[in-house]
């Protein structure tokens, strides 16, 4: 999947960066994406088109929840991941988005 270079989320422009390896957070967790709120950047490990799209949606939902004061990282992670999975599946099944898997 070709990721956008930037994305406007509630009037805040986030730069989107494709990274070549999983992201390791401060707790040594492996992540497929990360929203860096203070830097207005979203990092996506782009190894699979469908997963990259789902991860991008996941990070967009994080940004929306934070900007609307709905953000609680400890309790929202499972909800956000499940919502991103459901949205990705719905958009693909209803041909609202087309994702071509890249050949490696």
N, C-alpha and C. Protein backbone atom coordinates (compact mmCIF):
# COMPACT_ATOMS: atom_id res chain seq x y z
N UNK A 1 0.84 -1.18 0.00
CA UNK A 1 0.00 0.00 0.00
C UNK A 1 0.88 1.23 0.00
N UNK A 2 0.53 2.16 -0.86
CA UNK A 2 1.25 3.43 -0.87
C UNK A 2 0.62 4.33 0.20
N UNK A 3 1.38 4.61 1.21
CA UNK A 3 0.89 5.45 2.30
C UNK A 3 0.88 6.91 1.87
N UNK A 4 -0.09 7.69 2.38
CA UNK A 4 -0.06 9.12 2.08
C UNK A 4 1.14 9.76 2.77
N UNK A 5 1.62 10.86 2.22
CA UNK A 5 2.75 11.57 2.83
C UNK A 5 2.32 12.32 4.08
N UNK A 6 1.05 12.72 4.09
CA UNK A 6 0.50 13.41 5.26
C UNK A 6 -1.00 13.16 5.29
N UNK A 7 -1.58 13.41 6.46
CA UNK A 7 -3.02 13.24 6.62
C UNK A 7 -3.53 14.30 7.59
N UNK A 8 -4.67 14.91 7.23
CA UNK A 8 -5.27 15.95 8.05
C UNK A 8 -6.30 15.30 8.97
N UNK A 9 -6.06 15.39 10.28
CA UNK A 9 -6.95 14.80 11.27
C UNK A 9 -7.45 15.93 12.17
N UNK A 10 -8.72 16.26 12.04
CA UNK A 10 -9.33 17.33 12.84
C UNK A 10 -8.51 18.62 12.77
N UNK A 11 -8.14 19.01 11.57
CA UNK A 11 -7.40 20.23 11.26
C UNK A 11 -5.93 20.20 11.68
N UNK A 12 -5.43 19.07 12.13
CA UNK A 12 -4.01 18.92 12.45
C UNK A 12 -3.39 18.02 11.39
N UNK A 13 -2.36 18.51 10.72
CA UNK A 13 -1.70 17.73 9.68
C UNK A 13 -0.60 16.89 10.32
N UNK A 14 -0.71 15.58 10.09
CA UNK A 14 0.30 14.63 10.56
C UNK A 14 1.10 14.14 9.36
N UNK A 15 2.41 14.15 9.47
CA UNK A 15 3.27 13.55 8.46
C UNK A 15 3.21 12.03 8.67
N UNK A 16 3.11 11.27 7.58
CA UNK A 16 3.05 9.81 7.65
C UNK A 16 4.36 9.27 7.10
N UNK A 17 5.01 8.43 7.89
CA UNK A 17 6.30 7.90 7.50
C UNK A 17 6.27 6.37 7.52
N UNK A 18 6.66 5.77 6.42
CA UNK A 18 6.79 4.32 6.33
C UNK A 18 8.16 3.94 6.89
N UNK A 19 8.16 2.97 7.81
CA UNK A 19 9.42 2.51 8.39
C UNK A 19 9.65 1.07 7.97
N UNK A 20 10.92 0.67 7.91
CA UNK A 20 11.27 -0.65 7.37
C UNK A 20 11.31 -1.76 8.40
N UNK A 21 11.08 -1.44 9.65
CA UNK A 21 11.09 -2.47 10.68
C UNK A 21 10.06 -2.13 11.75
N UNK A 22 9.70 -3.12 12.57
CA UNK A 22 8.76 -2.85 13.65
C UNK A 22 9.35 -1.79 14.57
N UNK A 23 8.47 -1.11 15.26
CA UNK A 23 8.85 -0.02 16.16
C UNK A 23 8.92 -0.60 17.57
N UNK A 24 9.97 -0.26 18.29
CA UNK A 24 10.13 -0.70 19.68
C UNK A 24 9.86 0.51 20.57
N UNK A 25 8.87 0.38 21.47
CA UNK A 25 8.54 1.51 22.34
C UNK A 25 9.41 1.50 23.60
N UNK A 26 9.15 2.46 24.48
CA UNK A 26 9.96 2.61 25.69
C UNK A 26 9.83 1.42 26.65
N UNK A 27 8.78 0.62 26.50
CA UNK A 27 8.60 -0.58 27.32
C UNK A 27 9.06 -1.85 26.60
N UNK A 28 9.74 -1.67 25.49
CA UNK A 28 10.29 -2.75 24.66
C UNK A 28 9.21 -3.59 24.00
N UNK A 29 8.02 -2.98 23.77
CA UNK A 29 6.95 -3.62 23.01
C UNK A 29 7.19 -3.41 21.52
N UNK A 30 6.87 -4.41 20.71
CA UNK A 30 6.98 -4.28 19.26
C UNK A 30 5.65 -3.73 18.73
N UNK A 31 5.72 -2.67 17.93
CA UNK A 31 4.54 -2.02 17.39
C UNK A 31 4.61 -1.96 15.87
N UNK A 32 3.44 -2.03 15.22
CA UNK A 32 3.37 -1.86 13.77
C UNK A 32 3.17 -0.39 13.39
N UNK A 33 2.79 0.42 14.36
CA UNK A 33 2.61 1.85 14.10
C UNK A 33 2.71 2.64 15.38
N UNK A 34 2.87 3.94 15.22
CA UNK A 34 2.97 4.81 16.39
C UNK A 34 2.55 6.21 15.99
N UNK A 35 1.70 6.82 16.79
CA UNK A 35 1.31 8.21 16.58
C UNK A 35 2.11 9.05 17.56
N UNK A 36 2.96 9.90 17.02
CA UNK A 36 3.77 10.80 17.84
C UNK A 36 3.05 12.14 17.88
N UNK A 37 2.18 12.30 18.88
CA UNK A 37 1.30 13.46 18.95
C UNK A 37 2.06 14.78 18.95
N UNK A 38 3.08 14.88 19.79
CA UNK A 38 3.81 16.15 19.93
C UNK A 38 4.56 16.54 18.66
N UNK A 39 4.93 15.55 17.85
CA UNK A 39 5.67 15.80 16.61
C UNK A 39 4.74 15.84 15.39
N UNK A 40 3.47 15.55 15.58
CA UNK A 40 2.49 15.45 14.48
C UNK A 40 3.00 14.51 13.39
N UNK A 41 3.42 13.32 13.84
CA UNK A 41 3.93 12.29 12.91
C UNK A 41 3.29 10.96 13.23
N UNK A 42 3.06 10.19 12.19
CA UNK A 42 2.58 8.82 12.32
C UNK A 42 3.59 7.91 11.62
N UNK A 43 4.08 6.92 12.35
CA UNK A 43 5.02 5.95 11.81
C UNK A 43 4.27 4.65 11.54
N UNK A 44 4.48 4.07 10.37
CA UNK A 44 3.82 2.83 9.99
C UNK A 44 4.85 1.85 9.47
N UNK A 45 4.86 0.64 10.05
CA UNK A 45 5.68 -0.45 9.53
C UNK A 45 4.91 -1.04 8.36
N UNK A 46 5.38 -0.79 7.16
CA UNK A 46 4.64 -1.09 5.93
C UNK A 46 5.13 -2.39 5.30
N UNK A 47 4.83 -3.54 5.94
CA UNK A 47 5.28 -4.82 5.41
C UNK A 47 4.19 -5.54 4.63
N UNK A 48 2.93 -5.14 4.79
CA UNK A 48 1.80 -5.80 4.15
C UNK A 48 0.73 -4.74 3.95
N UNK A 49 0.19 -4.65 2.76
CA UNK A 49 -0.73 -3.56 2.43
C UNK A 49 -1.96 -3.49 3.33
N UNK A 50 -2.61 -4.62 3.55
CA UNK A 50 -3.81 -4.62 4.39
C UNK A 50 -3.44 -4.26 5.82
N UNK A 51 -2.37 -4.83 6.34
CA UNK A 51 -1.93 -4.52 7.70
C UNK A 51 -1.52 -3.05 7.82
N UNK A 52 -0.85 -2.52 6.82
CA UNK A 52 -0.45 -1.11 6.86
C UNK A 52 -1.67 -0.19 6.90
N UNK A 53 -2.69 -0.52 6.11
CA UNK A 53 -3.92 0.29 6.12
C UNK A 53 -4.60 0.21 7.48
N UNK A 54 -4.73 -1.01 8.02
CA UNK A 54 -5.34 -1.18 9.34
C UNK A 54 -4.55 -0.41 10.40
N UNK A 55 -3.23 -0.47 10.32
CA UNK A 55 -2.38 0.24 11.29
C UNK A 55 -2.55 1.75 11.15
N UNK A 56 -2.64 2.24 9.91
CA UNK A 56 -2.87 3.66 9.71
C UNK A 56 -4.21 4.08 10.32
N UNK A 57 -5.27 3.30 10.08
CA UNK A 57 -6.56 3.59 10.71
C UNK A 57 -6.45 3.59 12.24
N UNK A 58 -5.74 2.63 12.77
CA UNK A 58 -5.53 2.51 14.21
C UNK A 58 -4.90 3.80 14.75
N UNK A 59 -3.86 4.28 14.08
CA UNK A 59 -3.17 5.49 14.55
C UNK A 59 -4.03 6.74 14.36
N UNK A 60 -4.84 6.77 13.29
CA UNK A 60 -5.78 7.88 13.09
C UNK A 60 -6.79 7.92 14.23
N UNK A 61 -7.30 6.75 14.62
CA UNK A 61 -8.26 6.70 15.72
C UNK A 61 -7.61 7.19 17.02
N UNK A 62 -6.34 6.82 17.26
CA UNK A 62 -5.63 7.35 18.43
C UNK A 62 -5.62 8.89 18.40
N UNK A 63 -5.29 9.46 17.25
CA UNK A 63 -5.22 10.92 17.14
C UNK A 63 -6.59 11.56 17.37
N UNK A 64 -7.62 10.98 16.79
CA UNK A 64 -8.98 11.51 16.97
C UNK A 64 -9.38 11.45 18.44
N UNK A 65 -9.15 10.30 19.08
CA UNK A 65 -9.51 10.15 20.49
C UNK A 65 -8.75 11.15 21.36
N UNK A 66 -7.48 11.36 21.07
CA UNK A 66 -6.70 12.31 21.86
C UNK A 66 -7.21 13.73 21.65
N UNK A 67 -7.45 14.12 20.41
CA UNK A 67 -7.89 15.49 20.13
C UNK A 67 -9.28 15.77 20.68
N UNK A 68 -10.12 14.75 20.80
CA UNK A 68 -11.47 14.93 21.34
C UNK A 68 -11.55 14.58 22.82
N UNK A 69 -10.39 14.49 23.47
CA UNK A 69 -10.30 14.19 24.91
C UNK A 69 -10.96 12.87 25.28
N UNK A 70 -10.87 11.90 24.39
CA UNK A 70 -11.38 10.56 24.65
C UNK A 70 -10.23 9.59 24.88
N UNK A 71 -9.02 10.12 24.96
CA UNK A 71 -7.83 9.28 24.94
C UNK A 71 -7.44 8.78 26.32
N UNK A 72 -7.27 7.48 26.42
CA UNK A 72 -6.77 6.82 27.61
C UNK A 72 -5.97 5.62 27.09
N UNK A 73 -4.68 5.81 26.88
CA UNK A 73 -3.86 4.80 26.20
C UNK A 73 -3.95 3.43 26.86
N UNK A 74 -3.98 3.39 28.17
CA UNK A 74 -3.98 2.11 28.87
C UNK A 74 -5.26 1.30 28.59
N UNK A 75 -6.40 1.98 28.52
CA UNK A 75 -7.66 1.28 28.38
C UNK A 75 -8.21 1.26 26.95
N UNK A 76 -7.75 2.13 26.10
CA UNK A 76 -8.30 2.23 24.75
C UNK A 76 -7.63 1.34 23.73
N UNK A 77 -6.47 0.79 24.01
CA UNK A 77 -5.70 0.08 22.98
C UNK A 77 -6.49 -1.08 22.37
N UNK A 78 -7.11 -1.91 23.19
CA UNK A 78 -7.87 -3.04 22.65
C UNK A 78 -9.07 -2.55 21.85
N UNK A 79 -9.78 -1.55 22.36
CA UNK A 79 -10.93 -0.98 21.66
C UNK A 79 -10.51 -0.39 20.32
N UNK A 80 -9.44 0.39 20.30
CA UNK A 80 -8.97 1.04 19.08
C UNK A 80 -8.53 -0.01 18.06
N UNK A 81 -7.82 -1.04 18.49
CA UNK A 81 -7.36 -2.07 17.57
C UNK A 81 -8.54 -2.84 16.99
N UNK A 82 -9.52 -3.16 17.81
CA UNK A 82 -10.70 -3.87 17.34
C UNK A 82 -11.51 -3.01 16.36
N UNK A 83 -11.67 -1.74 16.67
CA UNK A 83 -12.38 -0.82 15.78
C UNK A 83 -11.65 -0.69 14.44
N UNK A 84 -10.34 -0.55 14.46
CA UNK A 84 -9.56 -0.44 13.22
C UNK A 84 -9.69 -1.71 12.38
N UNK A 85 -9.70 -2.87 13.02
CA UNK A 85 -9.88 -4.14 12.30
C UNK A 85 -11.25 -4.19 11.64
N UNK A 86 -12.28 -3.82 12.39
CA UNK A 86 -13.64 -3.83 11.86
C UNK A 86 -13.83 -2.84 10.72
N UNK A 87 -13.27 -1.65 10.85
CA UNK A 87 -13.37 -0.65 9.78
C UNK A 87 -12.63 -1.12 8.52
N UNK A 88 -11.44 -1.66 8.70
CA UNK A 88 -10.66 -2.15 7.55
C UNK A 88 -11.44 -3.23 6.81
N UNK A 89 -11.96 -4.21 7.54
CA UNK A 89 -12.72 -5.29 6.93
C UNK A 89 -13.95 -4.76 6.20
N UNK A 90 -14.69 -3.86 6.83
CA UNK A 90 -15.91 -3.30 6.23
C UNK A 90 -15.60 -2.52 4.96
N UNK A 91 -14.57 -1.70 4.99
CA UNK A 91 -14.21 -0.89 3.83
C UNK A 91 -13.76 -1.77 2.66
N UNK A 92 -12.99 -2.81 2.95
CA UNK A 92 -12.51 -3.71 1.90
C UNK A 92 -13.66 -4.54 1.33
N UNK A 93 -14.48 -5.15 2.18
CA UNK A 93 -15.58 -6.02 1.74
C UNK A 93 -16.63 -5.28 0.92
N UNK A 94 -16.78 -4.00 1.17
CA UNK A 94 -17.78 -3.22 0.46
C UNK A 94 -17.19 -2.39 -0.67
N UNK A 95 -15.97 -2.72 -1.05
CA UNK A 95 -15.26 -2.06 -2.16
C UNK A 95 -15.20 -0.54 -2.00
N UNK A 96 -15.12 -0.08 -0.76
CA UNK A 96 -14.96 1.35 -0.53
C UNK A 96 -13.50 1.76 -0.63
N UNK A 97 -12.62 0.80 -0.47
CA UNK A 97 -11.19 1.00 -0.72
C UNK A 97 -10.67 -0.22 -1.45
N UNK A 98 -9.64 -0.03 -2.22
CA UNK A 98 -8.98 -1.12 -2.94
C UNK A 98 -7.54 -1.18 -2.43
N UNK A 99 -7.15 -2.34 -1.99
CA UNK A 99 -5.78 -2.52 -1.52
C UNK A 99 -5.13 -3.59 -2.38
N UNK A 100 -4.03 -3.23 -2.97
CA UNK A 100 -3.25 -4.19 -3.76
C UNK A 100 -2.08 -4.60 -2.90
N UNK A 101 -1.94 -5.89 -2.70
CA UNK A 101 -0.79 -6.39 -1.95
C UNK A 101 0.45 -6.24 -2.80
N UNK A 102 1.49 -5.71 -2.19
CA UNK A 102 2.74 -5.54 -2.93
C UNK A 102 3.45 -6.88 -3.05
N UNK A 103 4.11 -7.08 -4.16
CA UNK A 103 4.86 -8.31 -4.40
C UNK A 103 6.30 -8.07 -3.99
N UNK A 104 6.78 -8.91 -3.10
CA UNK A 104 8.16 -8.76 -2.63
C UNK A 104 9.01 -9.88 -3.11
